[in-house]
Amino acid sequence: MKFYSTEEYQPSCDDLYRRYQAKIQALLPSAVIEHIGASSIDHAVSKGDLDILVGVDSTELENAVTSLKTLGFNEKLDTLRTPELCMLESKSEDDVAFQVVAFGSEFDMFVTFRDKLRNNPLLVYEYNDLKVSCSGWPQDAYRLKKSAFIERVLSLN
């Protein structure tokens, strides 16, 4: 696993986010669209991928997933799937994922985590250090270490 500095990936992720934001809004006018993940946090190192949260009413989640698939996305099968969360991944080489989330669910934590890091440069430093320390690790081991960090950050007041 390779990580990139902010300068190496954020400008292209920002451009790609704006393009997808417009497409998603056209498909789902009542959705709340949020740029989440490391690419949305100043000075955060990243694998260079783009994560987009698409917030919808819980009664519309399945229809939203179906609509979003028309943008060239498939349901990600090796991850958590609930009536309040569905992750989609791009079929193209652009390394984009959508987290389709029901409003008011526990999965609002994607935005909460992002905001906590945006407001605390020390947490960004710790997050970067964690990521760099995992260079070359298997994906599962990296995810476990990252999950523990996310839980700790979410527990902070």
Protein backbone atom coordinates (compact mmCIF):
# COMPACT_ATOMS: atom_id res chain seq x y z
CA MET A 1 0.00 0.00 0.00
CA LYS A 2 1.39 3.37 -1.03
CA PHE A 3 0.43 6.73 0.44
CA TYR A 4 0.63 10.14 -1.22
CA SER A 5 1.18 13.61 0.16
CA THR A 6 -1.58 16.20 -0.07
CA GLU A 7 0.05 17.95 -3.02
CA GLU A 8 0.23 14.72 -4.98
CA TYR A 9 -3.45 13.81 -4.89
CA GLN A 10 -5.82 16.41 -3.37
CA PRO A 11 -6.19 18.75 -6.38
CA SER A 12 -7.26 15.88 -8.64
CA CYS A 13 -9.59 14.46 -5.96
CA ASP A 14 -11.17 17.90 -5.48
CA ASP A 15 -11.84 18.18 -9.23
CA LEU A 16 -13.21 14.65 -9.41
CA TYR A 17 -15.43 15.30 -6.37
CA ARG A 18 -16.98 18.37 -8.00
CA ARG A 19 -17.72 16.42 -11.20
CA TYR A 20 -19.36 13.55 -9.31
CA GLN A 21 -21.21 15.95 -7.00
CA ALA A 22 -22.97 17.51 -10.00
CA LYS A 23 -23.87 14.10 -11.46
CA ILE A 24 -25.18 12.80 -8.13
CA GLN A 25 -27.22 15.95 -7.49
CA ALA A 26 -28.81 15.62 -10.94
CA LEU A 27 -29.81 12.01 -10.18
CA LEU A 28 -30.80 12.55 -6.54
CA PRO A 29 -31.88 16.17 -5.99
CA SER A 30 -32.76 15.65 -2.32
CA ALA A 31 -29.48 13.91 -1.43
CA VAL A 32 -26.85 15.50 0.77
CA ILE A 33 -23.46 15.02 -0.84
CA GLU A 34 -20.30 15.25 1.28
CA HIS A 35 -16.64 14.89 0.39
CA ILE A 36 -15.31 12.54 3.09
CA GLY A 37 -12.17 10.51 3.68
CA ALA A 38 -8.57 11.67 3.72
CA SER A 39 -8.88 13.61 0.47
CA SER A 40 -11.34 15.95 2.22
CA ILE A 41 -8.91 16.78 5.05
CA ASP A 42 -6.13 19.33 4.59
CA HIS A 43 -2.63 17.85 4.93
CA ALA A 44 -3.86 14.23 5.21
CA VAL A 45 -1.84 11.59 3.40
CA SER A 46 -3.90 9.15 1.36
CA LYS A 47 -3.87 6.20 -0.99
CA GLY A 48 -5.14 8.77 -3.49
CA ASP A 49 -8.73 7.56 -3.53
CA LEU A 50 -11.90 9.63 -3.30
CA ASP A 51 -14.77 8.90 -0.92
CA ILE A 52 -18.16 10.57 -1.31
CA LEU A 53 -21.01 10.27 1.16
CA VAL A 54 -24.47 10.35 -0.37
CA GLY A 55 -27.04 10.95 2.37
CA VAL A 56 -30.63 9.99 1.62
CA ASP A 57 -33.84 9.24 3.48
CA SER A 58 -33.85 5.63 4.68
CA THR A 59 -36.94 4.88 2.55
CA GLU A 60 -35.02 5.99 -0.56
CA LEU A 61 -31.71 4.21 0.06
CA GLU A 62 -32.29 1.23 -2.25
CA ASN A 63 -33.60 3.45 -5.07
CA ALA A 64 -30.61 5.75 -4.60
CA VAL A 65 -28.23 2.79 -4.88
CA THR A 66 -29.90 1.71 -8.11
CA SER A 67 -29.65 5.24 -9.53
CA LEU A 68 -26.02 5.65 -8.54
CA LYS A 69 -25.06 2.40 -10.24
CA THR A 70 -25.94 4.10 -13.56
CA LEU A 71 -22.85 6.29 -13.04
CA GLY A 72 -20.63 3.23 -13.49
CA PHE A 73 -20.56 1.86 -9.95
CA ASN A 74 -21.04 -1.60 -8.43
CA GLU A 75 -21.95 -2.56 -4.90
CA LYS A 76 -18.81 -3.33 -2.91
CA LEU A 77 -19.27 -6.89 -1.73
CA ASP A 78 -16.42 -7.28 0.77
CA THR A 79 -17.67 -4.66 3.22
CA LEU A 80 -20.49 -3.90 5.64
CA ARG A 81 -23.96 -3.67 4.08
CA THR A 82 -27.03 -2.72 6.10
CA PRO A 83 -30.44 -1.12 5.38
CA GLU A 84 -28.74 2.18 6.31
CA LEU A 85 -25.43 1.79 4.44
CA CYS A 86 -24.36 0.61 1.02
CA MET A 87 -20.88 1.15 -0.37
CA LEU A 88 -20.41 1.44 -4.11
CA GLU A 89 -17.12 1.39 -5.99
CA SER A 90 -16.31 2.72 -9.42
CA LYS A 91 -15.95 0.26 -12.26
CA SER A 92 -13.46 2.62 -13.90
CA GLU A 93 -9.88 3.30 -12.90
CA ASP A 94 -10.69 6.55 -11.05
CA ASP A 95 -10.65 4.94 -7.54
CA VAL A 96 -13.89 6.51 -6.30
CA ALA A 97 -16.28 5.09 -3.72
CA PHE A 98 -19.74 6.22 -2.66
CA GLN A 99 -21.00 5.58 0.86
CA VAL A 100 -24.78 5.72 0.52
CA VAL A 101 -26.06 6.47 4.02
CA ALA A 102 -29.51 6.88 5.57
CA PHE A 103 -30.00 10.30 7.21
CA GLY A 104 -29.68 10.17 10.99
CA SER A 105 -28.10 6.72 11.07
CA GLU A 106 -24.95 5.74 12.93
CA PHE A 107 -23.13 6.15 9.61
CA ASP A 108 -23.22 9.92 9.97
CA MET A 109 -19.93 9.17 11.70
CA PHE A 110 -18.14 9.50 8.34
CA VAL A 111 -18.82 13.25 8.46
CA THR A 112 -18.19 13.48 12.22
CA PHE A 113 -14.77 11.85 11.81
CA ARG A 114 -13.88 14.14 8.92
CA ASP A 115 -14.90 17.23 10.88
CA LYS A 116 -12.95 16.21 13.99
CA LEU A 117 -9.79 15.89 11.90
CA ARG A 118 -10.45 19.11 10.01
CA ASN A 119 -10.64 20.90 13.35
CA ASN A 120 -7.60 19.30 14.98
CA PRO A 121 -4.22 19.35 13.17
CA LEU A 122 -2.73 17.07 15.85
CA LEU A 123 -5.23 14.34 14.94
CA VAL A 124 -4.30 14.75 11.27
CA TYR A 125 -0.63 14.33 12.22
CA GLU A 126 -1.48 11.15 14.18
CA TYR A 127 -3.60 9.83 11.31
CA ASN A 128 -0.79 10.46 8.83
CA ASP A 129 1.71 8.76 11.13
CA LEU A 130 -0.57 5.74 11.45
CA LYS A 131 -0.96 5.47 7.69
CA VAL A 132 2.72 5.82 6.90
CA SER A 133 3.55 3.22 9.56
CA CYS A 134 1.29 0.78 7.67
CA SER A 135 3.09 1.11 4.32
CA GLY A 136 3.53 -2.35 2.90
CA TRP A 137 1.03 -3.93 5.29
CA PRO A 138 -1.78 -6.21 4.12
CA GLN A 139 -5.08 -4.35 3.62
CA ASP A 140 -6.82 -6.18 6.50
CA ALA A 141 -4.13 -5.29 9.04
CA TYR A 142 -4.19 -1.66 7.91
CA ARG A 143 -7.99 -1.51 8.21
CA LEU A 144 -7.87 -2.89 11.76
CA LYS A 145 -5.34 -0.31 12.91
CA LYS A 146 -7.22 2.49 11.13
CA SER A 147 -10.56 1.38 12.64
CA ALA A 148 -9.12 1.57 16.16
CA PHE A 149 -7.93 5.12 15.46
CA ILE A 150 -11.32 6.14 14.05
CA GLU A 151 -13.12 4.73 17.11
CA ARG A 152 -10.79 6.66 19.41
CA VAL A 153 -11.34 9.92 17.50
CA LEU A 154 -15.11 9.46 17.46
CA SER A 155 -15.09 8.98 21.25
CA LEU A 156 -13.42 12.37 21.79
CA ASN A 157 -15.61 15.27 22.88
